[in-house]
PDB file of N, CA and C in Angstrom:
ATOM      1  N   MET A   1     -28.909 -12.133 -11.399  1.00  0.00           N
ATOM      2  CA  MET A   1     -27.585 -12.167 -10.695  1.00  0.00           C
ATOM      3  C   MET A   1     -26.630 -12.528 -11.497  1.00  0.00           C
ATOM      4  N   GLY A   2     -25.645 -11.664 -11.866  1.00  0.00           N
ATOM      5  CA  GLY A   2     -24.326 -11.966 -12.634  1.00  0.00           C
ATOM      6  C   GLY A   2     -24.692 -11.436 -14.096  1.00  0.00           C
ATOM      7  N   MET A   3     -25.897 -10.980 -14.398  1.00  0.00           N
ATOM      8  CA  MET A   3     -26.194 -10.782 -15.707  1.00  0.00           C
ATOM      9  C   MET A   3     -25.512  -9.391 -16.326  1.00  0.00           C
ATOM     10  N   GLY A   4     -25.100  -9.611 -17.422  1.00  0.00           N
ATOM     11  CA  GLY A   4     -24.398  -8.488 -18.108  1.00  0.00           C
ATOM     12  C   GLY A   4     -22.612  -8.752 -17.825  1.00  0.00           C
ATOM     13  N   ARG A   5     -22.293  -9.612 -17.013  1.00  0.00           N
ATOM     14  CA  ARG A   5     -20.749  -9.374 -16.796  1.00  0.00           C
ATOM     15  C   ARG A   5     -20.229 -10.101 -17.804  1.00  0.00           C
ATOM     16  N   ASN A   6     -20.874 -10.775 -18.668  1.00  0.00           N
ATOM     17  CA  ASN A   6     -20.069 -11.352 -19.935  1.00  0.00           C
ATOM     18  C   ASN A   6     -20.096 -10.532 -21.258  1.00  0.00           C
ATOM     19  N   LYS A   7     -20.791  -9.196 -21.204  1.00  0.00           N
ATOM     20  CA  LYS A   7     -20.914  -8.355 -22.225  1.00  0.00           C
ATOM     21  C   LYS A   7     -19.584  -7.913 -23.071  1.00  0.00           C
ATOM     22  N   PRO A   8     -19.661  -8.137 -24.334  1.00  0.00           N
ATOM     23  CA  PRO A   8     -18.384  -7.888 -25.116  1.00  0.00           C
ATOM     24  C   PRO A   8     -18.080  -6.339 -25.140  1.00  0.00           C
ATOM     25  N   ALA A   9     -16.933  -6.095 -25.333  1.00  0.00           N
ATOM     26  CA  ALA A   9     -16.700  -4.552 -25.229  1.00  0.00           C
ATOM     27  C   ALA A   9     -16.580  -4.302 -26.882  1.00  0.00           C
ATOM     28  N   PHE A  10     -16.991  -3.110 -27.416  1.00  0.00           N
ATOM     29  CA  PHE A  10     -16.931  -2.660 -28.767  1.00  0.00           C
ATOM     30  C   PHE A  10     -15.782  -3.110 -29.421  1.00  0.00           C
ATOM     31  N   ALA A  11     -14.682  -2.789 -28.747  1.00  0.00           N
ATOM     32  CA  ALA A  11     -13.248  -3.319 -29.544  1.00  0.00           C
ATOM     33  C   ALA A  11     -13.250  -4.635 -29.898  1.00  0.00           C
ATOM     34  N   GLU A  12     -14.057  -5.735 -29.327  1.00  0.00           N
ATOM     35  CA  GLU A  12     -13.937  -7.076 -29.644  1.00  0.00           C
ATOM     36  C   GLU A  12     -14.842  -7.337 -31.130  1.00  0.00           C
ATOM     37  N   PHE A  13     -15.890  -6.373 -31.266  1.00  0.00           N
ATOM     38  CA  PHE A  13     -16.549  -6.333 -32.284  1.00  0.00           C
ATOM     39  C   PHE A  13     -15.794  -5.691 -33.780  1.00  0.00           C
ATOM     40  N   ASP A  14     -15.133  -4.541 -33.303  1.00  0.00           N
ATOM     41  CA  ASP A  14     -14.472  -3.507 -34.549  1.00  0.00           C
ATOM     42  C   ASP A  14     -13.340  -4.178 -34.924  1.00  0.00           C
ATOM     43  N   LEU A  15     -13.317  -5.303 -35.759  1.00  0.00           N
ATOM     44  CA  LEU A  15     -12.547  -6.043 -36.312  1.00  0.00           C
ATOM     45  C   LEU A  15     -11.555  -5.172 -37.168  1.00  0.00           C
ATOM     46  N   SER A  16     -12.194  -4.239 -37.883  1.00  0.00           N
ATOM     47  CA  SER A  16     -11.306  -3.348 -38.774  1.00  0.00           C
ATOM     48  C   SER A  16     -10.675  -2.233 -38.077  1.00  0.00           C
ATOM     49  N   GLY A  17     -10.836  -2.008 -36.824  1.00  0.00           N
ATOM     50  CA  GLY A  17     -10.406  -1.013 -35.873  1.00  0.00           C
ATOM     51  C   GLY A  17     -10.546   0.532 -36.264  1.00  0.00           C
ATOM     52  N   ASP A  18     -11.679   0.839 -36.971  1.00  0.00           N
ATOM     53  CA  ASP A  18     -11.984   1.883 -37.606  1.00  0.00           C
ATOM     54  C   ASP A  18     -12.889   2.662 -36.748  1.00  0.00           C
ATOM     55  N   SER A  19     -13.370   2.162 -35.655  1.00  0.00           N
ATOM     56  CA  SER A  19     -14.390   2.639 -34.792  1.00  0.00           C
ATOM     57  C   SER A  19     -15.774   2.737 -35.045  1.00  0.00           C
ATOM     58  N   THR A  20     -16.002   1.842 -36.096  1.00  0.00           N
ATOM     59  CA  THR A  20     -17.518   1.775 -36.457  1.00  0.00           C
ATOM     60  C   THR A  20     -17.676   0.260 -36.825  1.00  0.00           C
ATOM     61  N   LEU A  21     -18.876  -0.125 -36.515  1.00  0.00           N
ATOM     62  CA  LEU A  21     -19.251  -1.405 -37.195  1.00  0.00           C
ATOM     63  C   LEU A  21     -20.033  -1.497 -38.438  1.00  0.00           C
ATOM     64  N   ILE A  22     -19.876  -2.214 -39.325  1.00  0.00           N
ATOM     65  CA  ILE A  22     -20.878  -2.698 -40.251  1.00  0.00           C
ATOM     66  C   ILE A  22     -21.436  -3.909 -40.128  1.00  0.00           C
ATOM     67  N   GLU A  23     -22.389  -4.297 -41.043  1.00  0.00           N
ATOM     68  CA  GLU A  23     -23.401  -5.365 -40.654  1.00  0.00           C
ATOM     69  C   GLU A  23     -22.242  -6.554 -40.746  1.00  0.00           C
ATOM     70  N   THR A  24     -21.508  -6.930 -41.623  1.00  0.00           N
ATOM     71  CA  THR A  24     -20.773  -8.209 -42.026  1.00  0.00           C
ATOM     72  C   THR A  24     -19.769  -8.331 -40.774  1.00  0.00           C
ATOM     73  N   GLU A  25     -19.266  -7.292 -40.362  1.00  0.00           N
ATOM     74  CA  GLU A  25     -18.284  -7.092 -39.160  1.00  0.00           C
ATOM     75  C   GLU A  25     -18.932  -7.734 -37.915  1.00  0.00           C
ATOM     76  N   PHE A  26     -20.072  -7.004 -37.775  1.00  0.00           N
ATOM     77  CA  PHE A  26     -20.859  -7.517 -36.502  1.00  0.00           C
ATOM     78  C   PHE A  26     -21.273  -8.757 -36.215  1.00  0.00           C
ATOM     79  N   TYR A  27     -21.713  -9.389 -37.351  1.00  0.00           N
ATOM     80  CA  TYR A  27     -21.912 -10.857 -37.378  1.00  0.00           C
ATOM     81  C   TYR A  27     -20.845 -11.872 -37.345  1.00  0.00           C
ATOM     82  N   GLU A  28     -19.816 -11.290 -37.985  1.00  0.00           N
ATOM     83  CA  GLU A  28     -18.632 -12.065 -38.067  1.00  0.00           C
ATOM     84  C   GLU A  28     -17.972 -12.064 -36.587  1.00  0.00           C
ATOM     85  N   ALA A  29     -18.012 -10.991 -35.999  1.00  0.00           N
ATOM     86  CA  ALA A  29     -17.440 -10.986 -34.800  1.00  0.00           C
ATOM     87  C   ALA A  29     -18.395 -11.742 -33.647  1.00  0.00           C
ATOM     88  N   ARG A  30     -19.698 -11.496 -33.869  1.00  0.00           N
ATOM     89  CA  ARG A  30     -20.599 -12.369 -32.755  1.00  0.00           C
ATOM     90  C   ARG A  30     -20.377 -13.750 -32.943  1.00  0.00           C
ATOM     91  N   ALA A  31     -20.216 -14.332 -34.274  1.00  0.00           N
ATOM     92  CA  ALA A  31     -20.057 -15.695 -34.420  1.00  0.00           C
ATOM     93  C   ALA A  31     -18.765 -16.324 -33.726  1.00  0.00           C
ATOM     94  N   LYS A  32     -17.502 -15.439 -33.929  1.00  0.00           N
ATOM     95  CA  LYS A  32     -16.289 -15.891 -33.451  1.00  0.00           C
ATOM     96  C   LYS A  32     -16.391 -15.843 -31.825  1.00  0.00           C
ATOM     97  N   ARG A  33     -17.101 -14.825 -31.291  1.00  0.00           N
ATOM     98  CA  ARG A  33     -17.095 -14.890 -29.742  1.00  0.00           C
ATOM     99  C   ARG A  33     -17.980 -16.246 -29.429  1.00  0.00           C
ATOM    100  N   MET A  34     -19.093 -16.294 -30.289  1.00  0.00           N
ATOM    101  CA  MET A  34     -20.083 -17.513 -29.650  1.00  0.00           C
ATOM    102  C   MET A  34     -19.179 -18.861 -29.963  1.00  0.00           C
ATOM    103  N   ALA A  35     -18.204 -19.041 -30.889  1.00  0.00           N
ATOM    104  CA  ALA A  35     -17.508 -20.255 -31.008  1.00  0.00           C
ATOM    105  C   ALA A  35     -16.371 -20.313 -29.880  1.00  0.00           C
ATOM    106  N   VAL A  36     -15.918 -19.220 -29.549  1.00  0.00           N
ATOM    107  CA  VAL A  36     -15.153 -19.206 -28.356  1.00  0.00           C
ATOM    108  C   VAL A  36     -15.645 -19.790 -27.156  1.00  0.00           C
ATOM    109  N   ARG A  37     -16.681 -19.159 -26.929  1.00  0.00           N
ATOM    110  CA  ARG A  37     -17.507 -19.343 -25.604  1.00  0.00           C
ATOM    111  C   ARG A  37     -18.153 -20.804 -25.687  1.00  0.00           C
ATOM    112  N   THR A  38     -18.538 -21.197 -26.763  1.00  0.00           N
ATOM    113  CA  THR A  38     -18.969 -22.537 -26.801  1.00  0.00           C
ATOM    114  C   THR A  38     -17.915 -23.582 -26.598  1.00  0.00           C
ATOM    115  N   ALA A  39     -16.760 -23.390 -27.174  1.00  0.00           N
ATOM    116  CA  ALA A  39     -15.663 -24.344 -26.939  1.00  0.00           C
ATOM    117  C   ALA A  39     -15.292 -24.252 -25.459  1.00  0.00           C
ATOM    118  N   GLN A  40     -15.540 -23.126 -24.816  1.00  0.00           N
ATOM    119  CA  GLN A  40     -15.098 -22.912 -23.269  1.00  0.00           C
ATOM    120  C   GLN A  40     -16.212 -23.724 -22.352  1.00  0.00           C
ATOM    121  N   GLY A  41     -17.225 -24.154 -22.982  1.00  0.00           N
ATOM    122  CA  GLY A  41     -18.341 -24.835 -22.368  1.00  0.00           C
ATOM    123  C   GLY A  41     -19.365 -24.046 -21.949  1.00  0.00           C
ATOM    124  N   TYR A  42     -19.462 -22.766 -22.088  1.00  0.00           N
ATOM    125  CA  TYR A  42     -20.694 -22.083 -21.838  1.00  0.00           C
ATOM    126  C   TYR A  42     -22.081 -22.207 -22.720  1.00  0.00           C
ATOM    127  N   PRO A  43     -23.126 -22.333 -22.364  1.00  0.00           N
ATOM    128  CA  PRO A  43     -24.268 -22.665 -23.009  1.00  0.00           C
ATOM    129  C   PRO A  43     -24.735 -21.199 -23.576  1.00  0.00           C
ATOM    130  N   MET A  44     -25.217 -21.459 -24.861  1.00  0.00           N
ATOM    131  CA  MET A  44     -25.766 -20.511 -25.550  1.00  0.00           C
ATOM    132  C   MET A  44     -27.230 -20.082 -25.457  1.00  0.00           C
ATOM    133  N   ARG A  45     -27.701 -20.179 -24.230  1.00  0.00           N
ATOM    134  CA  ARG A  45     -29.108 -20.240 -24.128  1.00  0.00           C
ATOM    135  C   ARG A  45     -30.015 -19.131 -24.935  1.00  0.00           C
ATOM    136  N   ASN A  46     -29.374 -17.992 -24.774  1.00  0.00           N
ATOM    137  CA  ASN A  46     -30.198 -16.669 -25.151  1.00  0.00           C
ATOM    138  C   ASN A  46     -29.616 -16.338 -26.507  1.00  0.00           C
ATOM    139  N   ALA A  47     -28.935 -17.054 -27.466  1.00  0.00           N
ATOM    140  CA  ALA A  47     -28.247 -16.623 -28.721  1.00  0.00           C
ATOM    141  C   ALA A  47     -29.610 -16.134 -29.633  1.00  0.00           C
ATOM    142  N   GLY A  48     -30.595 -16.831 -29.552  1.00  0.00           N
ATOM    143  CA  GLY A  48     -31.681 -16.558 -30.307  1.00  0.00           C
ATOM    144  C   GLY A  48     -32.435 -15.237 -30.058  1.00  0.00           C
ATOM    145  N   LYS A  49     -32.119 -14.470 -28.677  1.00  0.00           N
ATOM    146  CA  LYS A  49     -32.650 -13.403 -28.601  1.00  0.00           C
ATOM    147  C   LYS A  49     -31.790 -12.182 -28.693  1.00  0.00           C
ATOM    148  N   ALA A  50     -30.635 -12.468 -29.271  1.00  0.00           N
ATOM    149  CA  ALA A  50     -29.610 -11.245 -29.617  1.00  0.00           C
ATOM    150  C   ALA A  50     -30.192 -10.270 -30.357  1.00  0.00           C
ATOM    151  N   LEU A  51     -29.700  -9.086 -30.257  1.00  0.00           N
ATOM    152  CA  LEU A  51     -30.326  -8.171 -31.033  1.00  0.00           C
ATOM    153  C   LEU A  51     -29.619  -8.145 -32.443  1.00  0.00           C
ATOM    154  N   ALA A  52     -30.323  -7.879 -33.573  1.00  0.00           N
ATOM    155  CA  ALA A  52     -30.097  -7.717 -34.804  1.00  0.00           C
ATOM    156  C   ALA A  52     -29.217  -6.478 -34.980  1.00  0.00           C
ATOM    157  N   PHE A  53     -28.495  -6.497 -35.682  1.00  0.00           N
ATOM    158  CA  PHE A  53     -27.656  -5.332 -36.246  1.00  0.00           C
ATOM    159  C   PHE A  53     -28.620  -4.079 -36.520  1.00  0.00           C
ATOM    160  N   SER A  54     -29.477  -4.390 -37.513  1.00  0.00           N
ATOM    161  CA  SER A  54     -30.590  -3.343 -37.688  1.00  0.00           C
ATOM    162  C   SER A  54     -31.274  -2.760 -36.484  1.00  0.00           C
ATOM    163  N   ALA A  55     -31.511  -3.546 -35.598  1.00  0.00           N
ATOM    164  CA  ALA A  55     -32.154  -2.934 -34.291  1.00  0.00           C
ATOM    165  C   ALA A  55     -30.968  -2.061 -33.417  1.00  0.00           C
ATOM    166  N   ILE A  56     -29.677  -2.332 -33.390  1.00  0.00           N
ATOM    167  CA  ILE A  56     -28.694  -1.567 -32.924  1.00  0.00           C
ATOM    168  C   ILE A  56     -28.583  -0.394 -33.584  1.00  0.00           C
ATOM    169  N   ASP A  57     -28.344  -0.308 -35.117  1.00  0.00           N
ATOM    170  CA  ASP A  57     -28.203   0.812 -35.732  1.00  0.00           C
ATOM    171  C   ASP A  57     -29.149   1.741 -35.681  1.00  0.00           C
ATOM    172  N   ALA A  58     -30.543   1.271 -35.648  1.00  0.00           N
ATOM    173  CA  ALA A  58     -31.735   2.002 -35.470  1.00  0.00           C
ATOM    174  C   ALA A  58     -31.829   2.733 -34.224  1.00  0.00           C
ATOM    175  N   ASP A  59     -31.127   2.546 -33.161  1.00  0.00           N
ATOM    176  CA  ASP A  59     -31.410   3.303 -32.004  1.00  0.00           C
ATOM    177  C   ASP A  59     -31.018   4.461 -31.965  1.00  0.00           C
ATOM    178  N   ASP A  60     -30.141   5.053 -32.697  1.00  0.00           N
ATOM    179  CA  ASP A  60     -30.274   6.368 -32.904  1.00  0.00           C
ATOM    180  C   ASP A  60     -31.002   7.129 -34.043  1.00  0.00           C
ATOM    181  N   ALA A  61     -31.851   6.184 -34.671  1.00  0.00           N
ATOM    182  CA  ALA A  61     -32.751   6.856 -35.765  1.00  0.00           C
ATOM    183  C   ALA A  61     -32.003   7.148 -37.044  1.00  0.00           C
ATOM    184  N   ASP A  62     -30.676   7.003 -37.116  1.00  0.00           N
ATOM    185  CA  ASP A  62     -29.984   7.233 -38.447  1.00  0.00           C
ATOM    186  C   ASP A  62     -30.089   6.137 -39.285  1.00  0.00           C
ATOM    187  N   GLY A  63     -29.810   4.872 -38.893  1.00  0.00           N
ATOM    188  CA  GLY A  63     -29.881   3.657 -39.563  1.00  0.00           C
ATOM    189  C   GLY A  63     -29.014   3.780 -41.041  1.00  0.00           C
ATOM    190  N   ASN A  64     -27.823   4.380 -40.917  1.00  0.00           N
ATOM    191  CA  ASN A  64     -26.777   4.611 -41.789  1.00  0.00           C
ATOM    192  C   ASN A  64     -25.942   3.288 -42.082  1.00  0.00           C
ATOM    193  N   GLY A  65     -26.160   2.241 -41.466  1.00  0.00           N
ATOM    194  CA  GLY A  65     -25.338   1.105 -42.104  1.00  0.00           C
ATOM    195  C   GLY A  65     -24.173   0.881 -41.058  1.00  0.00           C
ATOM    196  N   GLN A  66     -24.028   1.840 -40.123  1.00  0.00           N
ATOM    197  CA  GLN A  66     -22.801   1.604 -39.278  1.00  0.00           C
ATOM    198  C   GLN A  66     -23.064   1.962 -37.695  1.00  0.00           C
ATOM    199  N   VAL A  67     -22.507   1.291 -36.995  1.00  0.00           N
ATOM    200  CA  VAL A  67     -22.702   1.235 -35.538  1.00  0.00           C
ATOM    201  C   VAL A  67     -21.573   1.938 -34.602  1.00  0.00           C
ATOM    202  N   THR A  68     -21.707   2.900 -34.190  1.00  0.00           N
ATOM    203  CA  THR A  68     -20.746   3.604 -33.307  1.00  0.00           C
ATOM    204  C   THR A  68     -20.607   2.870 -31.763  1.00  0.00           C
ATOM    205  N   PRO A  69     -19.615   3.310 -31.348  1.00  0.00           N
ATOM    206  CA  PRO A  69     -19.528   2.521 -29.745  1.00  0.00           C
ATOM    207  C   PRO A  69     -20.877   3.334 -28.949  1.00  0.00           C
ATOM    208  N   ASP A  70     -21.201   4.362 -29.001  1.00  0.00           N
ATOM    209  CA  ASP A  70     -22.421   5.006 -28.186  1.00  0.00           C
ATOM    210  C   ASP A  70     -23.747   3.926 -28.776  1.00  0.00           C
ATOM    211  N   GLU A  71     -23.747   3.848 -29.819  1.00  0.00           N
ATOM    212  CA  GLU A  71     -25.002   3.073 -30.341  1.00  0.00           C
ATOM    213  C   GLU A  71     -24.822   1.618 -29.795  1.00  0.00           C
ATOM    214  N   PHE A  72     -23.485   0.827 -30.142  1.00  0.00           N
ATOM    215  CA  PHE A  72     -23.297  -0.376 -29.470  1.00  0.00           C
ATOM    216  C   PHE A  72     -23.641  -0.310 -27.994  1.00  0.00           C
ATOM    217  N   ALA A  73     -23.233   0.568 -27.179  1.00  0.00           N
ATOM    218  CA  ALA A  73     -23.491   0.650 -25.878  1.00  0.00           C
ATOM    219  C   ALA A  73     -25.088   0.786 -25.633  1.00  0.00           C
ATOM    220  N   VAL A  74     -25.666   1.558 -26.207  1.00  0.00           N
ATOM    221  CA  VAL A  74     -27.146   1.429 -26.219  1.00  0.00           C
ATOM    222  C   VAL A  74     -27.958   0.238 -26.512  1.00  0.00           C
ATOM    223  N   GLY A  75     -27.494  -0.446 -27.633  1.00  0.00           N
ATOM    224  CA  GLY A  75     -27.855  -1.883 -27.807  1.00  0.00           C
ATOM    225  C   GLY A  75     -27.641  -2.682 -26.704  1.00  0.00           C
ATOM    226  N   GLN A  76     -26.656  -2.824 -25.835  1.00  0.00           N
ATOM    227  CA  GLN A  76     -26.320  -3.406 -24.833  1.00  0.00           C
ATOM    228  C   GLN A  76     -27.237  -3.269 -23.863  1.00  0.00           C
ATOM    229  N   ALA A  77     -27.534  -1.962 -23.544  1.00  0.00           N
ATOM    230  CA  ALA A  77     -28.424  -1.759 -22.511  1.00  0.00           C
ATOM    231  C   ALA A  77     -29.787  -1.894 -22.558  1.00  0.00           C
ATOM    232  N   ALA A  78     -30.256  -2.012 -24.032  1.00  0.00           N
ATOM    233  CA  ALA A  78     -31.665  -2.332 -24.386  1.00  0.00           C
ATOM    234  C   ALA A  78     -31.617  -3.838 -24.088  1.00  0.00           C
ATOM    235  N   ALA A  79     -30.608  -4.726 -24.570  1.00  0.00           N
ATOM    236  CA  ALA A  79     -30.589  -6.017 -24.302  1.00  0.00           C
ATOM    237  C   ALA A  79     -30.720  -6.604 -23.252  1.00  0.00           C
ATOM    238  N   ALA A  80     -29.974  -5.810 -22.100  1.00  0.00           N
ATOM    239  CA  ALA A  80     -29.942  -6.264 -20.804  1.00  0.00           C
ATOM    240  C   ALA A  80     -31.353  -5.851 -20.181  1.00  0.00           C
ATOM    241  N   HIS A  81     -32.021  -4.957 -20.565  1.00  0.00           N
ATOM    242  CA  HIS A  81     -33.191  -4.552 -20.177  1.00  0.00           C
ATOM    243  C   HIS A  81     -34.299  -5.648 -20.575  1.00  0.00           C
ATOM    244  N   ARG A  82     -34.330  -5.926 -21.873  1.00  0.00           N
ATOM    245  CA  ARG A  82     -35.027  -6.996 -22.277  1.00  0.00           C
ATOM    246  C   ARG A  82     -35.050  -8.388 -21.474  1.00  0.00           C
ATOM    247  N   GLY A  83     -33.735  -8.764 -21.324  1.00  0.00           N
ATOM    248  CA  GLY A  83     -33.411 -10.003 -20.531  1.00  0.00           C
ATOM    249  C   GLY A  83     -34.191  -9.864 -19.003  1.00  0.00           C
ATOM    250  N   GLN A  84     -34.020  -8.544 -18.479  1.00  0.00           N
ATOM    251  CA  GLN A  84     -34.707  -8.433 -17.276  1.00  0.00           C
ATOM    252  C   GLN A  84     -36.268  -8.589 -17.279  1.00  0.00           C
ATOM    253  N   MET A  85     -36.907  -8.177 -18.374  1.00  0.00           N
ATOM    254  CA  MET A  85     -38.131  -8.145 -18.595  1.00  0.00           C
ATOM    255  C   MET A  85     -38.736  -9.451 -18.868  1.00  0.00           C
ATOM    256  N   MET A  86     -38.029 -10.479 -19.235  1.00  0.00           N
ATOM    257  CA  MET A  86     -38.585 -11.601 -19.511  1.00  0.00           C
ATOM    258  C   MET A  86     -38.266 -12.597 -18.321  1.00  0.00           C
TER     259      MET A  86
END
């Protein structure tokens, strides 16, 4: 219950504003988000289960080193599904 309500928007990760994510941008945004949420008192219980950039980029089989909003959404859906299966 309540799963997924705290999923970040693509725009939170798109630090450059170019509608794609590169690996360094992805991990930088994730680290910032985790730092803010930790400071707010949220436990980071599943941080170790977060999908890697390469897993999200590979979702559309192009593996081009960039993640689009659609790939990001697919990655979030896969992560939510994995969470339900565990």
